Amino acid sequence: MPGTIQEEIKRIERQIEIYEAFDLAEKARFNRESFLWTAEDRIEWQELQADNALMLRKLREERNALLEQLRPP
């Protein structure tokens, strides 16, 4: 059973932080290792980045929708 709106916002914000940390780590890995990658490796990395960006966008939209619910009419 879902908690309060504030609890849900906190849960989503924790997920956002995790995805953002993963994104930073992956970009650092790209800078360190990409010169060793094959074209297929680069494509896989780009797909991973696109999926991560999509998830971040969805989480932020969900958080914003919940924040709107907290605003007085």
C-alpha atoms as a PDB file:
ATOM      1  CA  MET A   1       0.000   0.000   0.000  1.00  0.00           C
ATOM      2  CA  PRO A   2       1.475   3.357  -0.968  1.00  0.00           C
ATOM      3  CA  GLY A   3       2.350   5.848   1.723  1.00  0.00           C
ATOM      4  CA  THR A   4       1.674   9.531   1.795  1.00  0.00           C
ATOM      5  CA  ILE A   5       2.464  11.809  -1.097  1.00  0.00           C
ATOM      6  CA  GLN A   6       5.525  13.097   0.775  1.00  0.00           C
ATOM      7  CA  GLU A   7       6.805   9.544   1.288  1.00  0.00           C
ATOM      8  CA  GLU A   8       6.287   8.781  -2.381  1.00  0.00           C
ATOM      9  CA  ILE A   9       8.163  11.949  -3.357  1.00  0.00           C
ATOM     10  CA  LYS A  10      11.068  10.941  -1.101  1.00  0.00           C
ATOM     11  CA  ARG A  11      11.127   7.452  -2.644  1.00  0.00           C
ATOM     12  CA  ILE A  12      11.193   8.908  -6.145  1.00  0.00           C
ATOM     13  CA  GLU A  13      13.906  11.402  -5.199  1.00  0.00           C
ATOM     14  CA  ARG A  14      16.056   8.535  -3.871  1.00  0.00           C
ATOM     15  CA  GLN A  15      15.587   6.728  -7.193  1.00  0.00           C
ATOM     16  CA  ILE A  16      16.538   9.898  -9.073  1.00  0.00           C
ATOM     17  CA  GLU A  17      19.710  10.195  -7.000  1.00  0.00           C
ATOM     18  CA  ILE A  18      20.610   6.574  -7.779  1.00  0.00           C
ATOM     19  CA  TYR A  19      20.074   7.033 -11.518  1.00  0.00           C
ATOM     20  CA  GLU A  20      22.052  10.300 -11.504  1.00  0.00           C
ATOM     21  CA  ALA A  21      24.951   8.648  -9.646  1.00  0.00           C
ATOM     22  CA  PHE A  22      24.897   5.764 -12.120  1.00  0.00           C
ATOM     23  CA  ASP A  23      24.903   8.247 -15.000  1.00  0.00           C
ATOM     24  CA  LEU A  24      27.966  10.039 -13.616  1.00  0.00           C
ATOM     25  CA  ALA A  25      29.774   6.745 -13.057  1.00  0.00           C
ATOM     26  CA  GLU A  26      28.999   5.581 -16.588  1.00  0.00           C
ATOM     27  CA  LYS A  27      30.209   8.850 -18.105  1.00  0.00           C
ATOM     28  CA  ALA A  28      33.434   8.553 -16.124  1.00  0.00           C
ATOM     29  CA  ARG A  29      33.808   4.949 -17.329  1.00  0.00           C
ATOM     30  CA  PHE A  30      33.256   6.120 -20.893  1.00  0.00           C
ATOM     31  CA  ASN A  31      36.008   8.723 -20.508  1.00  0.00           C
ATOM     32  CA  ARG A  32      38.404   6.121 -19.093  1.00  0.00           C
ATOM     33  CA  GLU A  33      37.678   3.142 -21.288  1.00  0.00           C
ATOM     34  CA  SER A  34      35.847   4.092 -24.480  1.00  0.00           C
ATOM     35  CA  PHE A  35      38.985   4.119 -26.615  1.00  0.00           C
ATOM     36  CA  LEU A  36      39.198   0.354 -26.030  1.00  0.00           C
ATOM     37  CA  TRP A  37      35.595  -0.356 -26.988  1.00  0.00           C
ATOM     38  CA  THR A  38      34.313  -1.859 -30.164  1.00  0.00           C
ATOM     39  CA  ALA A  39      31.580  -0.166 -32.160  1.00  0.00           C
ATOM     40  CA  GLU A  40      29.120  -2.634 -30.643  1.00  0.00           C
ATOM     41  CA  ASP A  41      30.260  -1.672 -27.124  1.00  0.00           C
ATOM     42  CA  ARG A  42      29.687   1.991 -27.924  1.00  0.00           C
ATOM     43  CA  ILE A  43      26.212   1.302 -29.279  1.00  0.00           C
ATOM     44  CA  GLU A  44      25.315  -0.672 -26.152  1.00  0.00           C
ATOM     45  CA  TRP A  45      26.614   2.178 -23.983  1.00  0.00           C
ATOM     46  CA  GLN A  46      24.566   4.722 -25.946  1.00  0.00           C
ATOM     47  CA  GLU A  47      21.449   2.581 -25.555  1.00  0.00           C
ATOM     48  CA  LEU A  48      22.091   2.328 -21.824  1.00  0.00           C
ATOM     49  CA  GLN A  49      22.473   6.098 -21.619  1.00  0.00           C
ATOM     50  CA  ALA A  50      19.229   6.617 -23.532  1.00  0.00           C
ATOM     51  CA  ASP A  51      17.369   4.211 -21.234  1.00  0.00           C
ATOM     52  CA  ASN A  52      18.794   5.920 -18.163  1.00  0.00           C
ATOM     53  CA  ALA A  53      17.797   9.356 -19.467  1.00  0.00           C
ATOM     54  CA  LEU A  54      14.282   8.129 -20.212  1.00  0.00           C
ATOM     55  CA  MET A  55      13.918   6.713 -16.695  1.00  0.00           C
ATOM     56  CA  LEU A  56      15.183   9.954 -15.159  1.00  0.00           C
ATOM     57  CA  ARG A  57      12.706  11.929 -17.249  1.00  0.00           C
ATOM     58  CA  LYS A  58       9.819   9.679 -16.145  1.00  0.00           C
ATOM     59  CA  LEU A  59      10.832   9.868 -12.482  1.00  0.00           C
ATOM     60  CA  ARG A  60      11.093  13.651 -12.615  1.00  0.00           C
ATOM     61  CA  GLU A  61       7.688  13.913 -14.282  1.00  0.00           C
ATOM     62  CA  GLU A  62       6.203  11.642 -11.628  1.00  0.00           C
ATOM     63  CA  ARG A  63       7.800  13.720  -8.861  1.00  0.00           C
ATOM     64  CA  ASN A  64       6.526  16.944 -10.414  1.00  0.00           C
ATOM     65  CA  ALA A  65       2.999  15.534 -10.674  1.00  0.00           C
ATOM     66  CA  LEU A  66       3.081  14.596  -6.994  1.00  0.00           C
ATOM     67  CA  LEU A  67       4.420  18.017  -6.048  1.00  0.00           C
ATOM     68  CA  GLU A  68       1.522  19.581  -7.948  1.00  0.00           C
ATOM     69  CA  GLN A  69      -0.873  17.592  -5.780  1.00  0.00           C
ATOM     70  CA  LEU A  70       0.652  19.143  -2.670  1.00  0.00           C
ATOM     71  CA  ARG A  71       0.118  22.697  -3.884  1.00  0.00           C
ATOM     72  CA  PRO A  72      -2.944  24.450  -2.499  1.00  0.00           C
ATOM     73  CA  PRO A  73      -5.706  25.071  -5.064  1.00  0.00           C
END
